[in-house]
C-alpha atoms as a PDB file:
ATOM      1  CA  MET A   1     113.468 101.062  82.802  1.00  0.00           C
ATOM      2  CA  LEU A   2     115.535 101.150  85.962  1.00  0.00           C
ATOM      3  CA  ALA A   3     119.267 101.100  85.365  1.00  0.00           C
ATOM      4  CA  ASP A   4     122.573 102.045  86.909  1.00  0.00           C
ATOM      5  CA  ARG A   5     124.852 104.931  85.913  1.00  0.00           C
ATOM      6  CA  ALA A   6     126.708 102.692  83.476  1.00  0.00           C
ATOM      7  CA  TYR A   7     123.685 102.792  81.148  1.00  0.00           C
ATOM      8  CA  SER A   8     123.505 106.586  81.070  1.00  0.00           C
ATOM      9  CA  THR A   9     124.543 107.023  77.450  1.00  0.00           C
ATOM     10  CA  GLY A  10     122.864 109.170  74.861  1.00  0.00           C
ATOM     11  CA  VAL A  11     122.271 106.204  72.558  1.00  0.00           C
ATOM     12  CA  ILE A  12     120.409 104.216  75.209  1.00  0.00           C
ATOM     13  CA  ARG A  13     118.371 107.228  76.287  1.00  0.00           C
ATOM     14  CA  SER A  14     117.385 108.065  72.700  1.00  0.00           C
ATOM     15  CA  GLN A  15     116.317 104.468  72.017  1.00  0.00           C
ATOM     16  CA  LEU A  16     114.183 104.464  75.142  1.00  0.00           C
ATOM     17  CA  ARG A  17     112.595 107.792  74.165  1.00  0.00           C
ATOM     18  CA  ARG A  18     111.875 106.461  70.669  1.00  0.00           C
ATOM     19  CA  ARG A  19     110.031 103.498  72.194  1.00  0.00           C
ATOM     20  CA  ALA A  20     108.238 105.726  74.750  1.00  0.00           C
ATOM     21  CA  ILE A  21     109.889 103.997  77.727  1.00  0.00           C
ATOM     22  CA  LYS A  22     110.497 106.090  80.814  1.00  0.00           C
ATOM     23  CA  ALA A  23     114.118 105.849  81.926  1.00  0.00           C
ATOM     24  CA  VAL A  24     115.137 106.044  85.578  1.00  0.00           C
ATOM     25  CA  ILE A  25     118.886 106.331  85.115  1.00  0.00           C
ATOM     26  CA  PRO A  26     121.029 108.810  87.044  1.00  0.00           C
ATOM     27  CA  ASP A  27     123.553 110.898  85.122  1.00  0.00           C
ATOM     28  CA  LYS A  28     127.222 110.089  85.310  1.00  0.00           C
ATOM     29  CA  ARG A  29     129.202 112.629  87.284  1.00  0.00           C
ATOM     30  CA  ASP A  30     131.333 113.612  84.305  1.00  0.00           C
ATOM     31  CA  GLN A  31     128.219 114.154  82.154  1.00  0.00           C
ATOM     32  CA  ALA A  32     126.704 116.444  84.774  1.00  0.00           C
ATOM     33  CA  ALA A  33     129.994 118.361  85.091  1.00  0.00           C
ATOM     34  CA  ALA A  34     130.239 118.757  81.313  1.00  0.00           C
ATOM     35  CA  ARG A  35     126.654 120.031  81.134  1.00  0.00           C
ATOM     36  CA  LYS A  36     127.376 122.542  83.899  1.00  0.00           C
ATOM     37  CA  ARG A  37     130.599 123.626  82.210  1.00  0.00           C
ATOM     38  CA  ARG A  38     128.795 124.256  78.906  1.00  0.00           C
ATOM     39  CA  GLY A  39     126.249 126.453  80.633  1.00  0.00           C
ATOM     40  CA  SER A  40     123.072 127.189  78.669  1.00  0.00           C
ATOM     41  CA  ARG A  41     124.378 125.148  75.721  1.00  0.00           C
ATOM     42  CA  GLY A  42     124.718 122.066  77.922  1.00  0.00           C
ATOM     43  CA  GLY A  43     121.082 121.033  77.674  1.00  0.00           C
ATOM     44  CA  ARG A  44     118.636 120.000  80.327  1.00  0.00           C
ATOM     45  CA  PRO A  45     119.461 117.340  82.899  1.00  0.00           C
ATOM     46  CA  SER A  46     117.535 114.129  82.507  1.00  0.00           C
ATOM     47  CA  GLY A  47     114.665 113.656  84.923  1.00  0.00           C
ATOM     48  CA  LEU A  48     115.249 111.165  87.690  1.00  0.00           C
ATOM     49  CA  ASP A  49     112.563 109.666  89.891  1.00  0.00           C
ATOM     50  CA  ALA A  50     114.635 109.300  93.068  1.00  0.00           C
ATOM     51  CA  GLU A  51     112.092 107.093  94.870  1.00  0.00           C
ATOM     52  CA  ALA A  52     111.894 104.617  91.991  1.00  0.00           C
ATOM     53  CA  TYR A  53     115.691 104.518  91.813  1.00  0.00           C
ATOM     54  CA  LYS A  54     115.896 103.756  95.547  1.00  0.00           C
ATOM     55  CA  ARG A  55     113.517 100.808  95.107  1.00  0.00           C
ATOM     56  CA  ARG A  56     115.794  99.374  92.395  1.00  0.00           C
ATOM     57  CA  ASN A  57     117.993  97.722  95.029  1.00  0.00           C
ATOM     58  CA  VAL A  58     115.187  95.298  95.948  1.00  0.00           C
ATOM     59  CA  VAL A  59     115.468  93.710  92.523  1.00  0.00           C
ATOM     60  CA  GLU A  60     119.260  93.668  92.699  1.00  0.00           C
ATOM     61  CA  ARG A  61     119.200  91.986  96.112  1.00  0.00           C
ATOM     62  CA  PHE A  62     116.841  89.297  94.776  1.00  0.00           C
ATOM     63  CA  PHE A  63     119.211  88.555  91.908  1.00  0.00           C
ATOM     64  CA  ALA A  64     122.094  88.369  94.380  1.00  0.00           C
ATOM     65  CA  LEU A  65     120.129  85.760  96.349  1.00  0.00           C
ATOM     66  CA  ALA A  66     119.161  83.897  93.185  1.00  0.00           C
ATOM     67  CA  LYS A  67     122.816  83.647  92.164  1.00  0.00           C
ATOM     68  CA  GLN A  68     123.424  81.554  95.261  1.00  0.00           C
ATOM     69  CA  TRP A  69     121.305  78.844  93.652  1.00  0.00           C
ATOM     70  CA  ARG A  70     123.932  77.176  91.489  1.00  0.00           C
ATOM     71  CA  GLY A  71     121.488  75.785  88.934  1.00  0.00           C
ATOM     72  CA  ILE A  72     119.972  79.190  88.312  1.00  0.00           C
ATOM     73  CA  ALA A  73     123.252  81.082  88.225  1.00  0.00           C
ATOM     74  CA  THR A  74     124.914  78.694  85.745  1.00  0.00           C
ATOM     75  CA  ARG A  75     121.778  77.998  83.683  1.00  0.00           C
ATOM     76  CA  PHE A  76     122.628  74.317  84.058  1.00  0.00           C
ATOM     77  CA  ASP A  77     119.142  72.995  83.198  1.00  0.00           C
ATOM     78  CA  LYS A  78     118.668  71.982  79.599  1.00  0.00           C
ATOM     79  CA  LEU A  79     114.911  72.485  79.495  1.00  0.00           C
ATOM     80  CA  ALA A  80     113.341  75.906  79.895  1.00  0.00           C
ATOM     81  CA  ILE A  81     110.505  74.483  81.982  1.00  0.00           C
ATOM     82  CA  THR A  82     112.863  73.081  84.625  1.00  0.00           C
ATOM     83  CA  TYR A  83     114.827  76.341  84.716  1.00  0.00           C
ATOM     84  CA  ARG A  84     111.605  78.283  85.185  1.00  0.00           C
ATOM     85  CA  ALA A  85     110.568  75.909  87.963  1.00  0.00           C
ATOM     86  CA  GLY A  86     113.893  76.535  89.714  1.00  0.00           C
ATOM     87  CA  VAL A  87     113.480  80.304  89.434  1.00  0.00           C
ATOM     88  CA  THR A  88     109.916  80.050  90.751  1.00  0.00           C
ATOM     89  CA  LEU A  89     111.005  77.859  93.652  1.00  0.00           C
ATOM     90  CA  CYS A  90     113.828  80.271  94.487  1.00  0.00           C
ATOM     91  CA  ALA A  91     111.415  83.223  94.413  1.00  0.00           C
ATOM     92  CA  ILE A  92     108.882  81.463  96.660  1.00  0.00           C
ATOM     93  CA  LEU A  93     111.482  80.406  99.222  1.00  0.00           C
ATOM     94  CA  THR A  94     113.016  83.885  99.205  1.00  0.00           C
ATOM     95  CA  TRP A  95     109.591  85.447  99.690  1.00  0.00           C
ATOM     96  CA  LEU A  96     108.748  83.078 102.566  1.00  0.00           C
ATOM     97  CA  ARG A  97     112.075  83.818 104.238  1.00  0.00           C
ATOM     98  CA  VAL A  98     111.352  87.538 104.430  1.00  0.00           C
END
C-alpha cells in the first residue's frame, strides 16, 4: 500500500501487518523525532522503499487529471457501467496524450 505521511499511524500499520500487506508510508517527522529522543526504547524505524514511494506521484497525477473530468469527479452518472466507461475513456485519452 502506497500512502502519504498522513496515514503513518500505528493503527493503520498494525492492520496492514495483520493482513500481510507491505506498507510504503514514510514516518511523520514528529514520530521520527520521538523515536530518536527515546533512544533504544524508541523502537525500529519502519522500512521505506524510497523508489516505490517516488513512483506514487504517477498515480496522484492521474487522479488530478481525472478530476478535471466533471462527470468522474462528481460521480454524476447513476449507473456503474457508465461511470466505469467514463473512467476508462479518461484513462485511454490520458495515456494517448502522454
